[in-house]
């Protein structure tokens, strides 16, 4: 049970860290497509 918890926390931590690193890249593409859909521009 403890090993499972450690493995899960490590996996979640790496996923969160990877998400934070790729946040800028993904967010730009995501918000661009979202802006086109909502016709919202700065």
PDB file of N, CA and C in Angstrom:
ATOM      1  N   UNK A   1       0.838  -1.203   0.000  1.00  0.00           N
ATOM      2  CA  UNK A   1       0.000   0.000   0.000  1.00  0.00           C
ATOM      3  C   UNK A   1       0.872   1.250   0.000  1.00  0.00           C
ATOM      4  N   UNK A   2       1.913   1.233   0.832  1.00  0.00           N
ATOM      5  CA  UNK A   2       2.809   2.392   0.881  1.00  0.00           C
ATOM      6  C   UNK A   2       3.539   2.556  -0.445  1.00  0.00           C
ATOM      7  N   UNK A   3       3.983   1.430  -1.027  1.00  0.00           N
ATOM      8  CA  UNK A   3       4.686   1.500  -2.308  1.00  0.00           C
ATOM      9  C   UNK A   3       3.768   2.058  -3.384  1.00  0.00           C
ATOM     10  N   UNK A   4       2.524   1.631  -3.378  1.00  0.00           N
ATOM     11  CA  UNK A   4       1.555   2.116  -4.355  1.00  0.00           C
ATOM     12  C   UNK A   4       1.362   3.620  -4.219  1.00  0.00           C
ATOM     13  N   UNK A   5       1.290   4.094  -2.973  1.00  0.00           N
ATOM     14  CA  UNK A   5       1.112   5.523  -2.734  1.00  0.00           C
ATOM     15  C   UNK A   5       2.321   6.302  -3.229  1.00  0.00           C
ATOM     16  N   UNK A   6       3.519   5.773  -2.978  1.00  0.00           N
ATOM     17  CA  UNK A   6       4.749   6.450  -3.410  1.00  0.00           C
ATOM     18  C   UNK A   6       4.802   6.510  -4.932  1.00  0.00           C
ATOM     19  N   UNK A   7       4.496   5.393  -5.578  1.00  0.00           N
ATOM     20  CA  UNK A   7       4.524   5.358  -7.044  1.00  0.00           C
ATOM     21  C   UNK A   7       3.499   6.324  -7.621  1.00  0.00           C
ATOM     22  N   UNK A   8       2.306   6.345  -7.049  1.00  0.00           N
ATOM     23  CA  UNK A   8       1.259   7.239  -7.548  1.00  0.00           C
ATOM     24  C   UNK A   8       1.658   8.697  -7.381  1.00  0.00           C
ATOM     25  N   UNK A   9       2.235   9.031  -6.235  1.00  0.00           N
ATOM     26  CA  UNK A   9       2.653  10.415  -5.997  1.00  0.00           C
ATOM     27  C   UNK A   9       3.762  10.812  -6.958  1.00  0.00           C
ATOM     28  N   UNK A  10       4.680   9.886  -7.241  1.00  0.00           N
ATOM     29  CA  UNK A  10       5.776  10.189  -8.171  1.00  0.00           C
ATOM     30  C   UNK A  10       5.219  10.411  -9.571  1.00  0.00           C
ATOM     31  N   UNK A  11       4.304   9.534  -9.990  1.00  0.00           N
ATOM     32  CA  UNK A  11       3.713   9.668 -11.329  1.00  0.00           C
ATOM     33  C   UNK A  11       2.938  10.975 -11.443  1.00  0.00           C
ATOM     34  N   UNK A  12       2.121  11.266 -10.427  1.00  0.00           N
ATOM     35  CA  UNK A  12       1.348  12.510 -10.442  1.00  0.00           C
ATOM     36  C   UNK A  12       2.276  13.719 -10.438  1.00  0.00           C
ATOM     37  N   UNK A  13       3.344  13.652  -9.655  1.00  0.00           N
ATOM     38  CA  UNK A  13       4.295  14.761  -9.585  1.00  0.00           C
ATOM     39  C   UNK A  13       4.956  15.010 -10.928  1.00  0.00           C
ATOM     40  N   UNK A  14       5.382  13.935 -11.594  1.00  0.00           N
ATOM     41  CA  UNK A  14       6.029  14.098 -12.889  1.00  0.00           C
ATOM     42  C   UNK A  14       5.042  14.630 -13.920  1.00  0.00           C
ATOM     43  N   UNK A  15       3.792  14.155 -13.866  1.00  0.00           N
ATOM     44  CA  UNK A  15       2.772  14.638 -14.798  1.00  0.00           C
ATOM     45  C   UNK A  15       2.499  16.118 -14.584  1.00  0.00           C
ATOM     46  N   UNK A  16       2.432  16.538 -13.316  1.00  0.00           N
ATOM     47  CA  UNK A  16       2.180  17.949 -13.008  1.00  0.00           C
ATOM     48  C   UNK A  16       3.359  18.801 -13.456  1.00  0.00           C
ATOM     49  N   UNK A  17       4.577  18.324 -13.195  1.00  0.00           N
ATOM     50  CA  UNK A  17       5.766  19.078 -13.592  1.00  0.00           C
ATOM     51  C   UNK A  17       5.831  19.186 -15.110  1.00  0.00           C
ATOM     52  N   UNK A  18       5.550  18.095 -15.815  1.00  0.00           N
ATOM     53  CA  UNK A  18       5.563  18.119 -17.275  1.00  0.00           C
ATOM     54  C   UNK A  18       4.475  19.051 -17.796  1.00  0.00           C
ATOM     55  N   UNK A  19       3.324  19.039 -17.142  1.00  0.00           N
ATOM     56  CA  UNK A  19       2.234  19.920 -17.553  1.00  0.00           C
ATOM     57  C   UNK A  19       2.598  21.378 -17.369  1.00  0.00           C
ATOM     58  N   UNK A  20       3.299  21.688 -16.272  1.00  0.00           N
ATOM     59  CA  UNK A  20       3.717  23.062 -16.022  1.00  0.00           C
ATOM     60  C   UNK A  20       4.755  23.493 -17.045  1.00  0.00           C
ATOM     61  N   UNK A  21       5.649  22.581 -17.410  1.00  0.00           N
ATOM     62  CA  UNK A  21       6.685  22.921 -18.395  1.00  0.00           C
ATOM     63  C   UNK A  21       6.071  23.153 -19.768  1.00  0.00           C
ATOM     64  N   UNK A  22       5.101  22.306 -20.139  1.00  0.00           N
ATOM     65  CA  UNK A  22       4.478  22.422 -21.454  1.00  0.00           C
ATOM     66  C   UNK A  22       3.263  23.337 -21.439  1.00  0.00           C
ATOM     67  N   UNK A  23       3.001  23.979 -20.294  1.00  0.00           N
ATOM     68  CA  UNK A  23       1.801  24.807 -20.173  1.00  0.00           C
ATOM     69  C   UNK A  23       1.827  25.944 -21.187  1.00  0.00           C
ATOM     70  N   UNK A  24       2.972  26.609 -21.323  1.00  0.00           N
ATOM     71  CA  UNK A  24       3.065  27.747 -22.240  1.00  0.00           C
ATOM     72  C   UNK A  24       2.828  27.302 -23.679  1.00  0.00           C
ATOM     73  N   UNK A  25       3.444  26.198 -24.091  1.00  0.00           N
ATOM     74  CA  UNK A  25       3.287  25.722 -25.467  1.00  0.00           C
ATOM     75  C   UNK A  25       1.841  25.324 -25.733  1.00  0.00           C
ATOM     76  N   UNK A  26       1.263  24.506 -24.842  1.00  0.00           N
ATOM     77  CA  UNK A  26      -0.097  24.020 -25.055  1.00  0.00           C
ATOM     78  C   UNK A  26      -1.109  25.151 -24.931  1.00  0.00           C
ATOM     79  N   UNK A  27      -0.913  26.045 -23.969  1.00  0.00           N
ATOM     80  CA  UNK A  27      -1.879  27.120 -23.739  1.00  0.00           C
ATOM     81  C   UNK A  27      -1.959  28.058 -24.934  1.00  0.00           C
ATOM     82  N   UNK A  28      -0.813  28.363 -25.565  1.00  0.00           N
ATOM     83  CA  UNK A  28      -0.837  29.267 -26.711  1.00  0.00           C
ATOM     84  C   UNK A  28      -1.674  28.669 -27.836  1.00  0.00           C
ATOM     85  N   UNK A  29      -1.424  27.398 -28.163  1.00  0.00           N
ATOM     86  CA  UNK A  29      -2.181  26.753 -29.232  1.00  0.00           C
ATOM     87  C   UNK A  29      -3.641  26.593 -28.827  1.00  0.00           C
ATOM     88  N   UNK A  30      -3.868  26.229 -27.560  1.00  0.00           N
ATOM     89  CA  UNK A  30      -5.241  26.013 -27.091  1.00  0.00           C
ATOM     90  C   UNK A  30      -6.023  27.318 -27.113  1.00  0.00           C
ATOM     91  N   UNK A  31      -5.433  28.382 -26.602  1.00  0.00           N
ATOM     92  CA  UNK A  31      -6.147  29.655 -26.539  1.00  0.00           C
ATOM     93  C   UNK A  31      -6.321  30.259 -27.927  1.00  0.00           C
ATOM     94  N   UNK A  32      -5.387  30.001 -28.840  1.00  0.00           N
ATOM     95  CA  UNK A  32      -5.559  30.509 -30.203  1.00  0.00           C
ATOM     96  C   UNK A  32      -6.779  29.871 -30.849  1.00  0.00           C
ATOM     97  N   UNK A  33      -6.891  28.556 -30.738  1.00  0.00           N
ATOM     98  CA  UNK A  33      -8.055  27.874 -31.316  1.00  0.00           C
ATOM     99  C   UNK A  33      -9.325  28.288 -30.586  1.00  0.00           C
ATOM    100  N   UNK A  34      -9.217  28.486 -29.274  1.00  0.00           N
ATOM    101  CA  UNK A  34     -10.382  28.895 -28.489  1.00  0.00           C
ATOM    102  C   UNK A  34     -10.790  30.326 -28.863  1.00  0.00           C
ATOM    103  N   UNK A  35      -9.801  31.188 -29.104  1.00  0.00           N
ATOM    104  CA  UNK A  35     -10.120  32.563 -29.486  1.00  0.00           C
ATOM    105  C   UNK A  35     -10.823  32.590 -30.840  1.00  0.00           C
ATOM    106  N   UNK A  36     -10.403  31.726 -31.755  1.00  0.00           N
ATOM    107  CA  UNK A  36     -11.060  31.676 -33.055  1.00  0.00           C
ATOM    108  C   UNK A  36     -12.515  31.255 -32.897  1.00  0.00           C
ATOM    109  N   UNK A  37     -12.764  30.323 -31.983  1.00  0.00           N
ATOM    110  CA  UNK A  37     -14.127  29.820 -31.791  1.00  0.00           C
ATOM    111  C   UNK A  37     -15.012  30.885 -31.153  1.00  0.00           C
ATOM    112  N   UNK A  38     -14.465  31.624 -30.196  1.00  0.00           N
ATOM    113  CA  UNK A  38     -15.267  32.616 -29.481  1.00  0.00           C
ATOM    114  C   UNK A  38     -15.164  33.999 -30.119  1.00  0.00           C
ATOM    115  N   UNK A  39     -14.310  34.137 -31.151  1.00  0.00           N
ATOM    116  CA  UNK A  39     -14.088  35.418 -31.814  1.00  0.00           C
ATOM    117  C   UNK A  39     -13.626  36.474 -30.818  1.00  0.00           C
ATOM    118  N   UNK A  40     -12.781  36.058 -29.892  1.00  0.00           N
ATOM    119  CA  UNK A  40     -12.273  36.972 -28.869  1.00  0.00           C
ATOM    120  C   UNK A  40     -10.817  37.279 -29.162  1.00  0.00           C
ATOM    121  N   UNK A  41     -10.495  38.562 -29.339  1.00  0.00           N
ATOM    122  CA  UNK A  41      -9.122  38.960 -29.648  1.00  0.00           C
ATOM    123  C   UNK A  41      -8.727  40.134 -28.774  1.00  0.00           C
ATOM    124  N   UNK A  42      -7.428  40.208 -28.501  1.00  0.00           N
ATOM    125  CA  UNK A  42      -6.934  41.311 -27.682  1.00  0.00           C
ATOM    126  C   UNK A  42      -6.781  42.569 -28.518  1.00  0.00           C
TER     127      UNK A  42
END
